[in-house]
Amino acid sequence: MSDRLGIADLIDSYAVAVDLACRRQIGAGRGGHQVASIKKEIHIDRPPEAVWAIVGNVGSMEWVPGVIGSTIDGNIRTCDVSEGAVLKEQILSMDETARYYEYTIVESRLPISFYRASMKVTDDGIGSRFIWTAEIEPGDLGPIIEAALRGGAQALKARLEG
């Protein structure tokens, strides 16, 4: 029996994580919460240019499980996610040469007081390394975001490696 998850399993687990996040209730006080820092790295057996062709297309996030559609207008990315939820993100910086960009959430159903994330693709000598980091406040949302990043990184690998 294989311990690898199929793409359908990844999509289902991400959809559950998004759904739980959208339903979660956190107390009214937002400031002063601990910030969670998350970093997900994964090797992808493809050249960095091939990985960046997907990751660097910031207006197309459909490779991320749970994202039904996405658009970009200026530096604002809108992602349609499960159950009709909409997530708006602002692209803060992008470096095509370094294959890196940074973004923040500006609108979400989640009770987020701070969120900053980045995606980077590097050459690891035998393919690519995809690195997705995030910082979120309140920190107790960390496990939900960690599951989302892990699912996204695994789905990207599965898409590119077939």
C-alpha atoms as a PDB file:
ATOM      1  CA  MET A   1       0.000   0.000   0.000  1.00  0.00           C
ATOM      2  CA  SER A   2       1.410   3.393  -0.991  1.00  0.00           C
ATOM      3  CA  ASP A   3       1.784   6.145   1.576  1.00  0.00           C
ATOM      4  CA  ARG A   4       1.453   8.808  -1.136  1.00  0.00           C
ATOM      5  CA  LEU A   5      -1.765  10.749  -1.286  1.00  0.00           C
ATOM      6  CA  GLY A   6      -3.586  11.033  -4.565  1.00  0.00           C
ATOM      7  CA  ILE A   7      -4.544  14.457  -5.920  1.00  0.00           C
ATOM      8  CA  ALA A   8      -8.202  13.823  -5.022  1.00  0.00           C
ATOM      9  CA  ASP A   9      -7.157  13.166  -1.404  1.00  0.00           C
ATOM     10  CA  LEU A  10      -5.147  16.404  -1.364  1.00  0.00           C
ATOM     11  CA  ILE A  11      -8.049  18.404  -2.773  1.00  0.00           C
ATOM     12  CA  ASP A  12     -10.437  16.869  -0.232  1.00  0.00           C
ATOM     13  CA  SER A  13      -8.091  17.559   2.706  1.00  0.00           C
ATOM     14  CA  TYR A  14      -7.514  21.153   1.584  1.00  0.00           C
ATOM     15  CA  ALA A  15     -11.241  21.742   1.105  1.00  0.00           C
ATOM     16  CA  VAL A  16     -11.855  20.441   4.642  1.00  0.00           C
ATOM     17  CA  ALA A  17      -9.133  22.744   6.023  1.00  0.00           C
ATOM     18  CA  VAL A  18     -10.607  25.749   4.210  1.00  0.00           C
ATOM     19  CA  ASP A  19     -14.097  24.856   5.400  1.00  0.00           C
ATOM     20  CA  LEU A  20     -12.944  24.482   9.018  1.00  0.00           C
ATOM     21  CA  ALA A  21     -11.079  27.763   8.815  1.00  0.00           C
ATOM     22  CA  CYS A  22     -14.137  29.566   7.479  1.00  0.00           C
ATOM     23  CA  ARG A  23     -16.340  28.192  10.276  1.00  0.00           C
ATOM     24  CA  ARG A  24     -13.874  28.740  13.126  1.00  0.00           C
ATOM     25  CA  GLN A  25     -14.857  31.287  15.750  1.00  0.00           C
ATOM     26  CA  ILE A  26     -12.190  33.290  17.548  1.00  0.00           C
ATOM     27  CA  GLY A  27     -12.803  35.848  20.292  1.00  0.00           C
ATOM     28  CA  ALA A  28     -13.429  39.466  19.360  1.00  0.00           C
ATOM     29  CA  GLY A  29     -10.060  40.769  20.579  1.00  0.00           C
ATOM     30  CA  ARG A  30      -7.573  40.638  17.719  1.00  0.00           C
ATOM     31  CA  GLY A  31      -4.460  42.560  18.723  1.00  0.00           C
ATOM     32  CA  GLY A  32      -1.776  40.959  20.835  1.00  0.00           C
ATOM     33  CA  HIS A  33      -2.181  37.393  19.521  1.00  0.00           C
ATOM     34  CA  GLN A  34       0.882  35.310  18.873  1.00  0.00           C
ATOM     35  CA  VAL A  35       2.047  35.120  15.256  1.00  0.00           C
ATOM     36  CA  ALA A  36       2.521  31.677  13.697  1.00  0.00           C
ATOM     37  CA  SER A  37       5.379  31.257  11.204  1.00  0.00           C
ATOM     38  CA  ILE A  38       5.053  28.472   8.649  1.00  0.00           C
ATOM     39  CA  LYS A  39       7.503  27.257   6.019  1.00  0.00           C
ATOM     40  CA  LYS A  40       6.833  24.488   3.522  1.00  0.00           C
ATOM     41  CA  GLU A  41       9.526  23.292   1.134  1.00  0.00           C
ATOM     42  CA  ILE A  42       9.262  20.564  -1.475  1.00  0.00           C
ATOM     43  CA  HIS A  43      11.533  19.231  -4.203  1.00  0.00           C
ATOM     44  CA  ILE A  44       9.971  19.144  -7.671  1.00  0.00           C
ATOM     45  CA  ASP A  45      11.616  17.106 -10.398  1.00  0.00           C
ATOM     46  CA  ARG A  46      11.301  19.845 -13.013  1.00  0.00           C
ATOM     47  CA  PRO A  47      13.488  22.819 -13.981  1.00  0.00           C
ATOM     48  CA  PRO A  48      12.873  26.051 -12.038  1.00  0.00           C
ATOM     49  CA  GLU A  49      11.556  27.771 -15.187  1.00  0.00           C
ATOM     50  CA  ALA A  50       8.779  25.168 -15.504  1.00  0.00           C
ATOM     51  CA  VAL A  51       7.785  25.516 -11.843  1.00  0.00           C
ATOM     52  CA  TRP A  52       7.925  29.329 -12.003  1.00  0.00           C
ATOM     53  CA  ALA A  53       5.738  29.309 -15.131  1.00  0.00           C
ATOM     54  CA  ILE A  54       2.919  28.126 -12.836  1.00  0.00           C
ATOM     55  CA  VAL A  55       3.828  29.761  -9.502  1.00  0.00           C
ATOM     56  CA  GLY A  56       4.800  33.091 -11.044  1.00  0.00           C
ATOM     57  CA  ASN A  57       1.488  33.427 -12.878  1.00  0.00           C
ATOM     58  CA  VAL A  58      -0.012  35.234  -9.877  1.00  0.00           C
ATOM     59  CA  GLY A  59      -3.436  35.609 -11.469  1.00  0.00           C
ATOM     60  CA  SER A  60      -3.900  31.855 -11.794  1.00  0.00           C
ATOM     61  CA  MET A  61      -4.077  30.012  -8.479  1.00  0.00           C
ATOM     62  CA  GLU A  62      -6.201  27.078  -9.629  1.00  0.00           C
ATOM     63  CA  TRP A  63      -3.255  24.737  -8.943  1.00  0.00           C
ATOM     64  CA  VAL A  64      -3.937  25.265  -5.226  1.00  0.00           C
ATOM     65  CA  PRO A  65      -6.496  22.747  -3.919  1.00  0.00           C
ATOM     66  CA  GLY A  66      -9.721  24.446  -2.898  1.00  0.00           C
ATOM     67  CA  VAL A  67      -9.267  27.414  -5.250  1.00  0.00           C
ATOM     68  CA  ILE A  68     -12.045  27.237  -7.827  1.00  0.00           C
ATOM     69  CA  GLY A  69     -10.985  30.298  -9.815  1.00  0.00           C
ATOM     70  CA  SER A  70      -8.774  33.359  -9.547  1.00  0.00           C
ATOM     71  CA  THR A  71      -8.201  36.700 -11.241  1.00  0.00           C
ATOM     72  CA  ILE A  72      -5.772  39.577 -10.899  1.00  0.00           C
ATOM     73  CA  ASP A  73      -6.622  43.279 -11.179  1.00  0.00           C
ATOM     74  CA  GLY A  74      -3.543  45.445 -10.769  1.00  0.00           C
ATOM     75  CA  ASN A  75      -1.880  44.038  -7.659  1.00  0.00           C
ATOM     76  CA  ILE A  76      -5.078  42.568  -6.148  1.00  0.00           C
ATOM     77  CA  ARG A  77      -5.644  38.844  -6.625  1.00  0.00           C
ATOM     78  CA  THR A  78      -9.140  37.475  -6.026  1.00  0.00           C
ATOM     79  CA  CYS A  79      -9.494  33.760  -5.316  1.00  0.00           C
ATOM     80  CA  ASP A  80     -12.849  32.014  -5.311  1.00  0.00           C
ATOM     81  CA  VAL A  81     -12.695  29.177  -2.793  1.00  0.00           C
ATOM     82  CA  SER A  82     -15.082  26.570  -1.438  1.00  0.00           C
ATOM     83  CA  GLU A  83     -18.681  27.338  -0.498  1.00  0.00           C
ATOM     84  CA  GLY A  84     -18.706  30.670  -2.317  1.00  0.00           C
ATOM     85  CA  ALA A  85     -16.035  32.267  -0.135  1.00  0.00           C
ATOM     86  CA  VAL A  86     -13.788  34.905  -1.691  1.00  0.00           C
ATOM     87  CA  LEU A  87     -10.219  35.637  -0.653  1.00  0.00           C
ATOM     88  CA  LYS A  88      -8.543  38.882  -1.746  1.00  0.00           C
ATOM     89  CA  GLU A  89      -4.785  39.169  -1.654  1.00  0.00           C
ATOM     90  CA  GLN A  90      -2.465  42.054  -2.434  1.00  0.00           C
ATOM     91  CA  ILE A  91       0.767  41.270  -4.261  1.00  0.00           C
ATOM     92  CA  LEU A  92       3.380  43.282  -2.355  1.00  0.00           C
ATOM     93  CA  SER A  93       6.481  42.563  -4.404  1.00  0.00           C
ATOM     94  CA  MET A  94       7.602  40.327  -7.220  1.00  0.00           C
ATOM     95  CA  ASP A  95      11.038  39.503  -8.601  1.00  0.00           C
ATOM     96  CA  GLU A  96      10.886  37.468 -11.823  1.00  0.00           C
ATOM     97  CA  THR A  97      14.679  36.970 -11.894  1.00  0.00           C
ATOM     98  CA  ALA A  98      14.751  35.611  -8.329  1.00  0.00           C
ATOM     99  CA  ARG A  99      11.471  33.711  -8.952  1.00  0.00           C
ATOM    100  CA  TYR A 100       9.925  35.183  -5.816  1.00  0.00           C
ATOM    101  CA  TYR A 101       6.848  37.096  -4.766  1.00  0.00           C
ATOM    102  CA  GLU A 102       5.258  38.245  -1.548  1.00  0.00           C
ATOM    103  CA  TYR A 103       1.603  38.880  -0.759  1.00  0.00           C
ATOM    104  CA  THR A 104      -0.823  39.661   2.049  1.00  0.00           C
ATOM    105  CA  ILE A 105      -4.486  38.907   2.629  1.00  0.00           C
ATOM    106  CA  VAL A 106      -6.673  42.012   2.449  1.00  0.00           C
ATOM    107  CA  GLU A 107     -10.112  40.353   2.614  1.00  0.00           C
ATOM    108  CA  SER A 108     -11.150  36.991   4.032  1.00  0.00           C
ATOM    109  CA  ARG A 109     -13.901  35.298   6.029  1.00  0.00           C
ATOM    110  CA  LEU A 110     -11.185  34.219   8.454  1.00  0.00           C
ATOM    111  CA  PRO A 111     -10.636  36.444  11.499  1.00  0.00           C
ATOM    112  CA  ILE A 112      -7.099  37.360  10.436  1.00  0.00           C
ATOM    113  CA  SER A 113      -5.397  40.412  11.917  1.00  0.00           C
ATOM    114  CA  PHE A 114      -2.094  39.861  10.066  1.00  0.00           C
ATOM    115  CA  TYR A 115      -1.004  37.649   7.165  1.00  0.00           C
ATOM    116  CA  ARG A 116       2.090  37.879   5.005  1.00  0.00           C
ATOM    117  CA  ALA A 117       3.307  35.104   2.722  1.00  0.00           C
ATOM    118  CA  SER A 118       5.813  34.437  -0.019  1.00  0.00           C
ATOM    119  CA  MET A 119       6.485  31.892  -2.727  1.00  0.00           C
ATOM    120  CA  LYS A 120       9.915  31.185  -4.156  1.00  0.00           C
ATOM    121  CA  VAL A 121      11.310  28.722  -6.694  1.00  0.00           C
ATOM    122  CA  THR A 122      15.021  27.869  -6.613  1.00  0.00           C
ATOM    123  CA  ASP A 123      17.325  25.548  -8.505  1.00  0.00           C
ATOM    124  CA  ASP A 124      18.363  22.707  -6.193  1.00  0.00           C
ATOM    125  CA  GLY A 125      20.804  21.101  -8.620  1.00  0.00           C
ATOM    126  CA  ILE A 126      18.537  18.179  -9.556  1.00  0.00           C
ATOM    127  CA  GLY A 127      15.330  20.074 -10.225  1.00  0.00           C
ATOM    128  CA  SER A 128      13.577  22.773  -8.227  1.00  0.00           C
ATOM    129  CA  ARG A 129      12.794  23.617  -4.664  1.00  0.00           C
ATOM    130  CA  PHE A 130       9.438  25.321  -4.053  1.00  0.00           C
ATOM    131  CA  ILE A 131       9.347  27.317  -0.818  1.00  0.00           C
ATOM    132  CA  TRP A 132       6.083  28.739   0.557  1.00  0.00           C
ATOM    133  CA  THR A 133       6.211  30.723   3.786  1.00  0.00           C
ATOM    134  CA  ALA A 134       3.518  32.486   5.792  1.00  0.00           C
ATOM    135  CA  GLU A 135       3.128  34.441   8.991  1.00  0.00           C
ATOM    136  CA  ILE A 136      -0.356  34.717  10.458  1.00  0.00           C
ATOM    137  CA  GLU A 137      -1.990  36.338  13.451  1.00  0.00           C
ATOM    138  CA  PRO A 138      -3.759  35.012  15.412  1.00  0.00           C
ATOM    139  CA  GLY A 139      -1.286  32.171  15.685  1.00  0.00           C
ATOM    140  CA  ASP A 140      -3.916  29.581  16.512  1.00  0.00           C
ATOM    141  CA  LEU A 141      -4.870  29.651  12.807  1.00  0.00           C
ATOM    142  CA  GLY A 142      -1.359  28.342  12.099  1.00  0.00           C
ATOM    143  CA  PRO A 143      -2.299  24.635  11.816  1.00  0.00           C
ATOM    144  CA  ILE A 144      -5.020  25.446   9.284  1.00  0.00           C
ATOM    145  CA  ILE A 145      -2.679  27.575   7.171  1.00  0.00           C
ATOM    146  CA  GLU A 146       0.066  24.954   7.507  1.00  0.00           C
ATOM    147  CA  ALA A 147      -2.295  22.296   6.117  1.00  0.00           C
ATOM    148  CA  ALA A 148      -3.223  24.608   3.240  1.00  0.00           C
ATOM    149  CA  LEU A 149       0.423  25.308   2.346  1.00  0.00           C
ATOM    150  CA  ARG A 150       1.354  21.634   2.613  1.00  0.00           C
ATOM    151  CA  GLY A 151      -1.594  20.653   0.384  1.00  0.00           C
ATOM    152  CA  GLY A 152      -0.732  23.380  -2.119  1.00  0.00           C
ATOM    153  CA  ALA A 153       2.937  22.365  -2.313  1.00  0.00           C
ATOM    154  CA  GLN A 154       2.021  18.692  -2.779  1.00  0.00           C
ATOM    155  CA  ALA A 155      -0.558  19.538  -5.454  1.00  0.00           C
ATOM    156  CA  LEU A 156       1.994  21.654  -7.350  1.00  0.00           C
ATOM    157  CA  LYS A 157       4.469  18.760  -7.269  1.00  0.00           C
ATOM    158  CA  ALA A 158       1.808  16.290  -8.434  1.00  0.00           C
ATOM    159  CA  ARG A 159       0.724  18.596 -11.264  1.00  0.00           C
ATOM    160  CA  LEU A 160       4.255  19.120 -12.544  1.00  0.00           C
ATOM    161  CA  GLU A 161       5.536  15.587 -12.107  1.00  0.00           C
ATOM    162  CA  GLY A 162       2.329  13.985 -13.369  1.00  0.00           C
END
